[in-house]
Every structure is written in structure tokens, then in C-alpha cells.
Amino acid sequence: MGGQTETSSVPIPADRVDGFDEAYCARPERLLDPAARRSCPAWSLVAPDLERRSTERLRRDLDSGTGHERYGRLRGQLFLDGPLVLVRVLPRAPAGGTGSAARQRLRRHMSGHSPRATVAVAHRR
């Protein structure tokens, strides 16, 4: 991308309602609802039989308290750390010095672009 690159984790609010799987870690019982699962794109890749077995196991874990023992600490968190990262790229000044001519070249170079940074959100791997 050029320039100086910074990355930072994007915290996922635990009360998100638009289908972020990470948010459901704080309220796993929501995943028992087929509509909630459909709002998560990853569930569209899960075979029906595996989805059924997964939700049955989740229900058993919630009913028995096993799920709370393992992951109950997530219920109290306001934000969860997920796979999203913010990538911020600060543009590099064009070659040619730091005087007014260089500033003019930088303005021409950046026309149509944010002079501050290029920002993107990506999944962490």
C-alpha cells in the first residue's frame, strides 16, 4: 500500500444484532434461533446435518451449565475480540523534497484521495 501502515483490532460490541458470530459468544442462546443463524454468513456454509448437531450440542451445554462453565466469562464483556482488524495507511510524500513544489505534487497526487489515510477493515488470519 505504501506509506506507514498501522493495524489495530476492531472490538465487536457484545450486543450487536446484525449477525456477527463473535457477538453471539456473549449470548450463545441466540444461536438456537434459526433466524439468528441465518443472519451470520458463515452458517450458510454449514451442512444442515452439522447445523442440527451443533445446535443440539449447544442446547445441551446451555441446559447442563457446561457452556456457562467454559465461556460464562464472555457474558460480562461489553466488547469481544474477533477476527476484524483496522488497517490504516498514511500516504508517503512523493519524492522531490519538502518545499512548496513537493507540497503541490503531494496535493496533485492525493487529489480524489483522503489526504490523511486510507482505511480498510479486513479479517485477521
Protein backbone atom coordinates (compact mmCIF):
# COMPACT_ATOMS: atom_id res chain seq x y z
CA MET A 1 0.00 0.00 0.00
CA GLY A 2 2.93 2.33 0.53
CA GLY A 3 3.46 4.74 3.36
CA GLN A 4 3.26 3.94 7.04
CA THR A 5 0.82 1.15 7.92
CA GLU A 6 -0.89 0.73 11.28
CA THR A 7 -3.20 -2.09 12.32
CA SER A 8 -5.48 -2.41 15.31
CA SER A 9 -8.09 -4.87 16.46
CA VAL A 10 -11.73 -3.90 15.89
CA PRO A 11 -13.69 -4.73 19.05
CA ILE A 12 -17.10 -6.30 18.40
CA PRO A 13 -19.88 -4.97 20.68
CA ALA A 14 -21.40 -7.91 22.55
CA ASP A 15 -24.93 -6.58 21.94
CA ARG A 16 -24.66 -6.39 18.12
CA VAL A 17 -27.80 -7.69 16.48
CA ASP A 18 -26.69 -7.88 12.85
CA GLY A 19 -25.18 -11.32 12.79
CA PHE A 20 -21.59 -11.10 13.96
CA ASP A 21 -20.76 -14.56 15.26
CA GLU A 22 -18.36 -13.05 17.81
CA ALA A 23 -21.21 -11.11 19.44
CA TYR A 24 -23.11 -14.35 19.99
CA CYS A 25 -20.28 -15.60 22.20
CA ALA A 26 -21.71 -13.34 24.92
CA ARG A 27 -25.25 -14.67 24.37
CA PRO A 28 -24.99 -18.13 22.80
CA GLU A 29 -28.66 -18.97 23.40
CA ARG A 30 -29.45 -16.64 20.48
CA LEU A 31 -27.82 -19.15 18.13
CA LEU A 32 -30.63 -21.60 18.93
CA ASP A 33 -32.87 -19.32 16.85
CA PRO A 34 -32.66 -20.27 13.13
CA ALA A 35 -33.20 -16.61 12.14
CA ALA A 36 -30.15 -15.56 14.18
CA ARG A 37 -28.06 -18.25 12.50
CA ARG A 38 -29.27 -17.13 9.06
CA SER A 39 -28.04 -13.60 9.84
CA CYS A 40 -24.48 -14.97 10.15
CA PRO A 41 -22.98 -15.57 6.69
CA ALA A 42 -20.73 -18.39 7.95
CA TRP A 43 -23.77 -20.54 8.82
CA SER A 44 -24.74 -20.61 5.13
CA LEU A 45 -21.66 -22.80 4.59
CA VAL A 46 -22.63 -25.35 7.25
CA ALA A 47 -24.33 -28.54 6.09
CA PRO A 48 -27.85 -28.97 7.55
CA ASP A 49 -26.91 -32.12 9.48
CA LEU A 50 -23.91 -30.41 11.07
CA GLU A 51 -26.04 -27.37 11.91
CA ARG A 52 -28.60 -29.62 13.64
CA ARG A 53 -25.91 -31.46 15.63
CA SER A 54 -24.20 -28.21 16.59
CA THR A 55 -27.38 -26.57 17.86
CA GLU A 56 -28.37 -29.74 19.74
CA ARG A 57 -24.98 -29.74 21.47
CA LEU A 58 -25.28 -26.02 22.24
CA ARG A 59 -28.73 -26.59 23.77
CA ARG A 60 -27.37 -29.47 25.92
CA ASP A 61 -24.39 -27.37 27.04
CA LEU A 62 -26.63 -24.44 27.95
CA ASP A 63 -29.15 -26.66 29.77
CA SER A 64 -26.47 -28.53 31.74
CA GLY A 65 -24.43 -25.43 32.63
CA THR A 66 -21.35 -26.74 30.80
CA GLY A 67 -21.43 -23.84 28.38
CA HIS A 68 -21.53 -21.33 31.22
CA GLU A 69 -18.63 -23.03 33.00
CA ARG A 70 -16.47 -22.84 29.87
CA TYR A 71 -17.50 -19.49 28.41
CA GLY A 72 -19.57 -17.66 31.02
CA ARG A 73 -16.86 -15.01 31.40
CA LEU A 74 -17.77 -13.75 27.91
CA ARG A 75 -21.29 -12.79 29.02
CA GLY A 76 -19.97 -9.94 31.14
CA GLN A 77 -17.84 -8.39 28.43
CA LEU A 78 -19.09 -5.31 26.61
CA PHE A 79 -16.81 -5.98 23.63
CA LEU A 80 -15.33 -9.15 22.18
CA ASP A 81 -12.10 -9.52 20.24
CA GLY A 82 -12.86 -11.01 16.86
CA PRO A 83 -11.12 -11.54 13.54
CA LEU A 84 -11.57 -7.97 12.27
CA VAL A 85 -8.62 -5.59 12.08
CA LEU A 86 -8.47 -1.97 11.00
CA VAL A 87 -5.67 -1.24 8.54
CA ARG A 88 -4.70 2.42 8.28
CA VAL A 89 -2.16 3.55 5.69
CA LEU A 90 -0.66 7.03 5.89
CA PRO A 91 0.45 8.18 2.43
CA ARG A 92 4.11 8.57 1.65
CA ALA A 93 5.16 12.01 0.41
CA PRO A 94 6.23 11.92 -3.24
CA ALA A 95 9.95 12.10 -3.92
CA GLY A 96 11.36 15.52 -4.55
CA GLY A 97 11.89 17.32 -1.28
CA THR A 98 9.75 19.04 1.30
CA GLY A 99 9.38 22.54 -0.15
CA SER A 100 6.31 24.13 -1.72
CA ALA A 101 6.85 22.31 -5.05
CA ALA A 102 6.78 18.98 -3.20
CA ARG A 103 3.58 20.01 -1.38
CA GLN A 104 1.98 20.85 -4.73
CA ARG A 105 2.99 17.43 -6.12
CA LEU A 106 1.55 15.80 -2.99
CA ARG A 107 -1.74 17.67 -3.46
CA ARG A 108 -1.93 16.57 -7.11
CA HIS A 109 -1.01 13.02 -6.13
CA MET A 110 -3.69 12.91 -3.45
CA SER A 111 -6.47 14.61 -5.41
CA GLY A 112 -9.52 12.45 -5.05
CA HIS A 113 -7.99 10.63 -2.07
CA SER A 114 -8.17 11.37 1.61
CA PRO A 115 -5.02 13.35 2.46
CA ARG A 116 -4.94 11.70 5.87
CA ALA A 117 -5.09 7.99 5.35
CA THR A 118 -6.50 5.03 3.50
CA VAL A 119 -8.53 2.86 5.83
CA ALA A 120 -9.73 -0.71 5.33
CA VAL A 121 -11.24 -3.37 7.53
CA ALA A 122 -10.01 -6.93 6.99
CA HIS A 123 -10.38 -10.33 8.62
CA ARG A 124 -7.44 -11.45 10.72
CA ARG A 125 -6.00 -14.81 9.69
